[in-house]
Amino acid sequence: MNRRNRLLPAALALATATALLATSCSSSGSEDDDDSADGSPSAPPAATAPSTPGTPAPGTPDGTPAPGSPSAPATSTAPGTPGGTTPPGTTPPGTTAPPPSGARWQPTPGLAWQWQLGGTVDQSVDVPVYDIDGFENDASVVAALHAKGRKVICYINAGSWENFRPDSSAFAKALQGSDTGWKGEKWFDIRKLDELKPLMAARFDMCKSKGFDAIEPDTIEAYNQNSGFPLTPDDQLKYNRMLAQLAHERGLAIGLKNDLDQIPALLPDFDFAVNEECSQFDECDRVAPFVKAGKAVFHVEYKLDTDRFCAKAKSLGFSSMQKKLELNAWRKPC
């Protein structure tokens, strides 16, 4: 569910053990010994489906952006039409009409946030934005957060199959590639837009029906991983733009998760960014175009304490905090 695109599977065991040991020692006082948000006690997490952190790998080449002008506005794709384009003034079959311009939420730079994908959501954190698991939380959780004035982002794995999700049987075996390095998880063949689009649409419909304001799609840079498929940067651009189209048709904002090399090309399509460890890998300047475009960057570090990244993060206008690798309620904001 996090750090999916930076650690190679071969380094998984060592990286996870190191990160968990580091987070248990990195903060002062009792904060690191407590899994509640901001170090305050909370009720034990409810039993839920296992959460699987994602794994990006230090030093892994990100590949090169697809041909074409990165600054040109992105073109939404629709399967079954020449070049993946939709004729002007038409809506692809099985989709809803786009909402009026400006109807969806547009998160602005500097908004404080809470990101919790494991355990019962601690709703006591006084921040305007929550990012929580779309499957593991029902509409009542979203409504309760809305009643407190929060916007709520729906975390969904959009790039790899997970055997513990309730809709796992809907994904044909042919769509599943190599293991991501996490138990029960395999990369999608993102070239198969015709098959994946309705499945992703169903997930986005779930987020919409529960009242979420936005989507955080995870594992959306398979083209530079060992996916088991001969994926290209252009394949990824088409897939990610398809996800953005689905979200926007439903009036939902959508964030670009990592995928640093394709930020110049995808910036027009996405409403905000979610970034993991850009300070750890000295990459934060590459995410800064979102802020320059008036779009929020929701950023976390796992291994670095706040005194090592907050000054620069604040100067860039990021919404930054330190989190534990398992993404429970604990947080240490800038």
Protein backbone atom coordinates (compact mmCIF):
# COMPACT_ATOMS: atom_id res chain seq x y z
CA MET A 1 0.00 0.00 0.00
CA ASN A 2 2.99 2.29 0.14
CA ARG A 3 6.56 2.60 -1.07
CA ARG A 4 5.53 0.36 -3.97
CA ASN A 5 7.76 1.74 -6.68
CA ARG A 6 11.14 2.20 -5.09
CA LEU A 7 12.41 -1.06 -3.52
CA LEU A 8 13.06 -4.07 -5.75
CA PRO A 9 11.43 -7.32 -4.58
CA ALA A 10 14.86 -8.85 -3.84
CA ALA A 11 15.48 -6.17 -1.24
CA LEU A 12 12.06 -6.43 0.40
CA ALA A 13 12.87 -8.34 3.58
CA LEU A 14 15.94 -6.27 4.48
CA ALA A 15 14.28 -2.95 3.57
CA THR A 16 11.15 -3.68 5.60
CA ALA A 17 13.07 -4.81 8.67
CA THR A 18 15.37 -1.79 8.51
CA ALA A 19 12.49 0.65 8.05
CA LEU A 20 10.50 -0.77 10.97
CA LEU A 21 13.58 -0.69 13.23
CA ALA A 22 14.34 2.88 12.18
CA THR A 23 10.80 4.15 12.81
CA SER A 24 10.81 2.62 16.30
CA CYS A 25 13.79 4.79 17.23
CA SER A 26 13.56 7.93 15.13
CA SER A 27 11.21 10.18 17.16
CA SER A 28 11.68 11.47 20.67
CA GLY A 29 9.61 10.59 23.74
CA SER A 30 6.73 8.13 23.64
CA GLU A 31 5.51 8.97 20.11
CA ASP A 32 7.36 6.09 18.46
CA ASP A 33 6.05 3.54 20.95
CA ASP A 34 2.45 4.44 20.20
CA ASP A 35 0.61 3.69 16.97
CA SER A 36 -2.07 6.35 17.46
CA ALA A 37 -2.04 9.58 15.52
CA ASP A 38 0.38 12.16 16.96
CA GLY A 39 1.33 9.71 19.71
CA SER A 40 -2.02 9.82 21.54
CA PRO A 41 -3.73 6.59 22.76
CA SER A 42 -6.50 5.13 20.65
CA ALA A 43 -8.67 2.05 20.56
CA PRO A 44 -7.14 -1.18 19.15
CA PRO A 45 -7.53 -1.49 15.37
CA ALA A 46 -10.50 -3.47 14.14
CA ALA A 47 -9.81 -6.72 12.31
CA THR A 48 -9.49 -5.93 8.62
CA ALA A 49 -8.01 -7.47 5.49
CA PRO A 50 -4.20 -7.34 5.63
CA SER A 51 -2.62 -4.18 4.34
CA THR A 52 0.41 -4.60 2.08
CA PRO A 53 2.90 -1.76 1.84
CA GLY A 54 4.34 -1.03 -1.56
CA THR A 55 7.98 -0.94 -2.50
CA PRO A 56 9.86 1.48 -4.69
CA ALA A 57 13.66 0.79 -5.15
CA PRO A 58 16.49 3.23 -4.62
CA GLY A 59 18.50 3.79 -7.72
CA THR A 60 16.06 2.02 -10.04
CA PRO A 61 15.98 3.84 -13.39
CA ASP A 62 12.57 5.39 -13.92
CA GLY A 63 12.73 5.10 -17.68
CA THR A 64 12.16 7.95 -20.06
CA PRO A 65 9.00 9.92 -20.74
CA ALA A 66 6.99 8.98 -23.76
CA PRO A 67 7.64 10.82 -27.02
CA GLY A 68 5.83 14.07 -27.55
CA SER A 69 5.74 17.43 -25.87
CA PRO A 70 5.58 17.02 -22.06
CA SER A 71 3.93 20.40 -21.74
CA ALA A 72 1.11 19.63 -24.14
CA PRO A 73 -2.31 19.03 -22.51
CA ALA A 74 -2.98 15.32 -22.00
CA THR A 75 -5.58 13.55 -24.11
CA SER A 76 -7.95 11.24 -22.27
CA THR A 77 -8.14 7.77 -23.76
CA ALA A 78 -11.05 5.48 -24.45
CA PRO A 79 -10.60 1.85 -25.52
CA GLY A 80 -11.93 0.88 -28.90
CA THR A 81 -11.28 4.14 -30.75
CA PRO A 82 -8.36 4.88 -33.07
CA GLY A 83 -5.30 5.87 -31.09
CA GLY A 84 -7.29 5.53 -27.85
CA THR A 85 -9.03 8.88 -28.40
CA THR A 86 -12.69 9.75 -27.92
CA PRO A 87 -14.46 11.76 -30.63
CA PRO A 88 -15.15 15.33 -29.47
CA GLY A 89 -18.53 15.85 -27.84
CA THR A 90 -19.13 12.15 -27.17
CA THR A 91 -19.02 10.02 -24.03
CA PRO A 92 -17.56 6.48 -24.21
CA PRO A 93 -20.10 3.67 -23.61
CA GLY A 94 -20.43 2.67 -19.98
CA THR A 95 -19.20 6.00 -18.60
CA THR A 96 -20.94 8.97 -17.08
CA ALA A 97 -20.92 12.45 -18.53
CA PRO A 98 -18.19 14.74 -17.17
CA PRO A 99 -19.31 17.12 -14.40
CA PRO A 100 -19.35 20.88 -15.03
CA SER A 101 -15.94 22.53 -15.02
CA GLY A 102 -14.73 23.22 -11.49
CA ALA A 103 -17.25 20.80 -9.90
CA ARG A 104 -14.64 18.52 -8.35
CA TRP A 105 -12.44 19.28 -5.35
CA GLN A 106 -9.13 20.97 -6.19
CA PRO A 107 -6.68 20.50 -3.26
CA THR A 108 -4.32 23.45 -2.98
CA PRO A 109 -0.69 23.48 -1.79
CA GLY A 110 -0.01 23.42 1.93
CA LEU A 111 -3.11 21.53 3.13
CA ALA A 112 -2.28 19.40 6.18
CA TRP A 113 -3.27 15.76 5.86
CA GLN A 114 -3.50 12.38 7.54
CA TRP A 115 -2.71 9.15 5.67
CA GLN A 116 -3.93 6.00 7.40
CA LEU A 117 -4.26 2.70 5.56
CA GLY A 118 -4.00 0.32 8.51
CA GLY A 119 -6.38 -0.16 11.44
CA THR A 120 -9.53 1.65 12.49
CA VAL A 121 -9.32 5.24 11.26
CA ASP A 122 -8.43 7.64 14.07
CA GLN A 123 -10.75 10.56 13.31
CA SER A 124 -9.31 12.83 16.02
CA VAL A 125 -6.50 14.32 13.89
CA ASP A 126 -7.32 17.98 13.28
CA VAL A 127 -6.40 18.25 9.59
CA PRO A 128 -8.51 19.17 6.54
CA VAL A 129 -7.61 16.07 4.47
CA TYR A 130 -7.72 12.34 5.22
CA ASP A 131 -6.45 9.59 2.87
CA ILE A 132 -7.88 6.17 3.81
CA ASP A 133 -8.41 2.72 2.28
CA GLY A 134 -11.44 2.64 0.01
CA PHE A 135 -12.30 -1.01 0.58
CA GLU A 136 -11.75 -1.14 4.32
CA ASN A 137 -13.87 1.89 5.23
CA ASP A 138 -17.59 2.27 4.65
CA ALA A 139 -19.69 5.32 3.89
CA SER A 140 -20.26 6.02 7.58
CA VAL A 141 -16.54 6.72 8.10
CA VAL A 142 -16.47 9.13 5.16
CA ALA A 143 -19.65 10.83 6.40
CA ALA A 144 -18.23 11.22 9.90
CA LEU A 145 -15.09 12.84 8.52
CA HIS A 146 -17.18 15.13 6.31
CA ALA A 147 -19.17 16.15 9.39
CA LYS A 148 -15.88 17.33 10.89
CA GLY A 149 -15.17 19.39 7.78
CA ARG A 150 -12.64 16.98 6.26
CA LYS A 151 -12.11 16.07 2.62
CA VAL A 152 -11.50 12.34 2.15
CA ILE A 153 -9.29 10.58 -0.42
CA CYS A 154 -10.02 6.98 -1.43
CA TYR A 155 -6.90 4.79 -1.59
CA ILE A 156 -7.23 2.16 -4.34
CA ASN A 157 -4.62 -0.16 -5.84
CA ALA A 158 -4.94 0.57 -9.54
CA GLY A 159 -1.82 -1.13 -10.88
CA SER A 160 -1.61 -4.57 -9.30
CA TRP A 161 -3.87 -7.44 -8.31
CA GLU A 162 -4.30 -8.24 -4.60
CA ASN A 163 -5.73 -11.61 -3.63
CA PHE A 164 -7.31 -10.28 -0.42
CA ARG A 165 -9.58 -7.70 -2.07
CA PRO A 166 -13.29 -8.60 -2.34
CA ASP A 167 -13.27 -8.13 -6.13
CA SER A 168 -10.09 -10.16 -6.75
CA SER A 169 -11.92 -12.89 -8.69
CA ALA A 170 -13.01 -10.34 -11.32
CA PHE A 171 -9.45 -9.98 -12.61
CA ALA A 172 -8.59 -12.67 -15.18
CA LYS A 173 -5.39 -14.63 -14.73
CA ALA A 174 -4.09 -13.20 -18.01
CA LEU A 175 -4.13 -9.72 -16.47
CA GLN A 176 -1.76 -10.81 -13.69
CA GLY A 177 2.00 -10.68 -14.21
CA SER A 178 5.00 -11.03 -11.94
CA ASP A 179 4.85 -10.76 -8.16
CA THR A 180 5.34 -7.23 -6.93
CA GLY A 181 7.40 -8.52 -4.01
CA TRP A 182 4.44 -8.47 -1.65
CA LYS A 183 2.48 -11.59 -0.73
CA GLY A 184 -0.59 -12.14 -2.88
CA GLU A 185 0.08 -9.25 -5.23
CA LYS A 186 0.87 -9.27 -8.97
CA TRP A 187 1.37 -6.50 -11.52
CA PHE A 188 -1.41 -5.79 -14.03
CA ASP A 189 -0.92 -5.90 -17.78
CA ILE A 190 -1.86 -2.25 -18.19
CA ARG A 191 -1.86 -2.58 -21.99
CA LYS A 192 -5.26 -4.30 -21.74
CA LEU A 193 -7.30 -1.14 -21.31
CA ASP A 194 -10.52 -2.73 -22.57
CA GLU A 195 -10.43 -5.28 -19.75
CA LEU A 196 -9.07 -3.12 -16.95
CA LYS A 197 -11.15 0.01 -17.58
CA PRO A 198 -14.51 -1.43 -16.41
CA LEU A 199 -12.84 -3.04 -13.40
CA MET A 200 -11.24 0.24 -12.37
CA ALA A 201 -14.52 2.04 -13.09
CA ALA A 202 -16.26 -0.29 -10.63
CA ARG A 203 -13.69 0.55 -7.96
CA PHE A 204 -14.04 4.27 -8.60
CA ASP A 205 -17.83 3.89 -8.48
CA MET A 206 -17.41 2.34 -5.04
CA CYS A 207 -15.39 5.36 -3.90
CA LYS A 208 -18.03 7.69 -5.33
CA SER A 209 -20.91 5.79 -3.70
CA LYS A 210 -19.23 6.00 -0.29
CA GLY A 211 -18.92 9.76 -0.62
CA PHE A 212 -15.17 10.14 -1.16
CA ASP A 213 -13.88 13.37 -2.69
CA ALA A 214 -10.82 12.02 -4.51
CA ILE A 215 -8.84 8.94 -5.58
CA GLU A 216 -5.30 7.90 -4.71
CA PRO A 217 -4.43 5.18 -7.27
CA ASP A 218 -1.41 3.14 -6.22
CA THR A 219 1.22 1.21 -8.24
CA ILE A 220 0.86 3.28 -11.38
CA GLU A 221 4.41 3.08 -12.71
CA ALA A 222 4.65 -0.57 -13.69
CA TYR A 223 6.56 0.27 -16.88
CA ASN A 224 9.83 0.65 -14.96
CA GLN A 225 9.33 -2.44 -12.77
CA ASN A 226 9.76 -6.18 -13.40
CA SER A 227 6.09 -6.57 -14.22
CA GLY A 228 6.35 -9.65 -16.41
CA PHE A 229 5.09 -7.66 -19.39
CA PRO A 230 7.00 -5.62 -22.03
CA LEU A 231 5.48 -2.33 -20.90
CA THR A 232 6.59 1.01 -22.32
CA PRO A 233 6.38 4.55 -20.93
CA ASP A 234 3.61 5.22 -23.45
CA ASP A 235 1.62 2.26 -22.11
CA GLN A 236 1.81 3.82 -18.66
CA LEU A 237 0.78 7.26 -19.90
CA LYS A 238 -2.30 5.82 -21.60
CA TYR A 239 -3.25 3.83 -18.51
CA ASN A 240 -2.74 6.70 -16.07
CA ARG A 241 -4.72 9.08 -18.27
CA MET A 242 -7.51 6.52 -18.44
CA LEU A 243 -7.60 6.49 -14.61
CA ALA A 244 -7.73 10.29 -14.52
CA GLN A 245 -10.58 10.27 -17.03
CA LEU A 246 -12.57 7.78 -14.94
CA ALA A 247 -12.13 9.86 -11.80
CA HIS A 248 -13.05 13.14 -13.46
CA GLU A 249 -16.15 11.65 -15.10
CA ARG A 250 -17.34 10.88 -11.58
CA GLY A 251 -16.59 14.32 -10.23
CA LEU A 252 -13.63 13.02 -8.22
CA ALA A 253 -10.18 14.54 -7.99
CA ILE A 254 -7.24 12.18 -8.57
CA GLY A 255 -3.62 12.21 -7.44
CA LEU A 256 -0.51 11.09 -9.29
CA LYS A 257 1.29 8.62 -7.01
CA ASN A 258 5.08 8.87 -7.46
CA ASP A 259 5.84 8.21 -11.21
CA LEU A 260 8.33 11.07 -11.21
CA ASP A 261 9.59 10.78 -14.78
CA GLN A 262 6.09 11.25 -16.19
CA ILE A 263 5.12 14.28 -14.08
CA PRO A 264 5.74 16.75 -16.96
CA ALA A 265 3.42 14.78 -19.25
CA LEU A 266 0.74 13.95 -16.67
CA LEU A 267 0.55 17.20 -14.71
CA PRO A 268 -2.44 18.48 -16.73
CA ASP A 269 -4.39 15.27 -16.04
CA PHE A 270 -3.96 15.01 -12.27
CA ASP A 271 -5.27 17.28 -9.53
CA PHE A 272 -2.58 16.66 -6.88
CA ALA A 273 0.43 14.46 -6.18
CA VAL A 274 1.15 11.85 -3.54
CA ASN A 275 4.85 11.28 -3.00
CA GLU A 276 6.87 8.92 -0.85
CA GLU A 277 10.45 9.63 0.17
CA CYS A 278 11.42 12.32 -2.31
CA SER A 279 13.67 13.77 0.42
CA GLN A 280 15.29 10.40 1.10
CA PHE A 281 16.24 10.14 -2.58
CA ASP A 282 16.80 13.86 -3.25
CA GLU A 283 13.94 14.06 -5.76
CA CYS A 284 11.57 16.66 -4.30
CA ASP A 285 12.39 19.28 -6.93
CA ARG A 286 10.93 16.90 -9.51
CA VAL A 287 7.53 17.00 -7.78
CA ALA A 288 7.54 20.79 -7.35
CA PRO A 289 5.76 21.46 -10.69
CA PHE A 290 2.50 20.45 -9.00
CA VAL A 291 2.81 23.27 -6.48
CA LYS A 292 3.78 25.72 -9.22
CA ALA A 293 0.54 24.73 -10.96
CA GLY A 294 -1.45 25.42 -7.78
CA LYS A 295 -1.90 21.72 -6.95
CA ALA A 296 -1.15 20.07 -3.59
CA VAL A 297 1.75 17.69 -2.99
CA PHE A 298 0.96 15.25 -0.17
CA HIS A 299 4.36 13.95 0.91
CA VAL A 300 5.70 11.47 3.49
CA GLU A 301 9.08 10.24 4.63
CA TYR A 302 9.61 6.97 6.49
CA LYS A 303 13.29 6.80 7.42
CA LEU A 304 14.08 10.50 7.83
CA ASP A 305 13.07 12.42 10.93
CA THR A 306 11.30 15.72 10.40
CA ASP A 307 14.36 17.83 11.17
CA ARG A 308 16.01 16.38 8.06
CA PHE A 309 13.32 17.22 5.50
CA CYS A 310 10.72 19.68 6.79
CA ALA A 311 12.64 22.88 6.05
CA LYS A 312 12.95 22.13 2.34
CA ALA A 313 9.48 20.60 2.13
CA LYS A 314 7.95 23.75 3.56
CA SER A 315 9.98 25.93 1.19
CA LEU A 316 8.56 23.94 -1.72
CA GLY A 317 4.99 24.27 -0.44
CA PHE A 318 4.55 20.54 0.24
CA SER A 319 2.14 19.00 2.77
CA SER A 320 4.70 16.82 4.54
CA MET A 321 4.95 14.48 7.49
CA GLN A 322 6.85 11.48 8.79
CA LYS A 323 4.94 8.20 8.90
CA LYS A 324 5.65 4.65 9.96
CA LEU A 325 6.01 2.17 7.11
CA GLU A 326 2.79 0.34 7.96
CA LEU A 327 0.81 3.61 7.61
CA ASN A 328 -1.15 3.27 10.83
CA ALA A 329 -2.51 6.33 12.65
CA TRP A 330 0.87 7.57 13.93
CA ARG A 331 2.14 10.75 12.29
CA LYS A 332 4.75 13.45 12.90
CA PRO A 333 3.88 16.45 10.72
CA CYS A 334 6.17 19.27 9.66
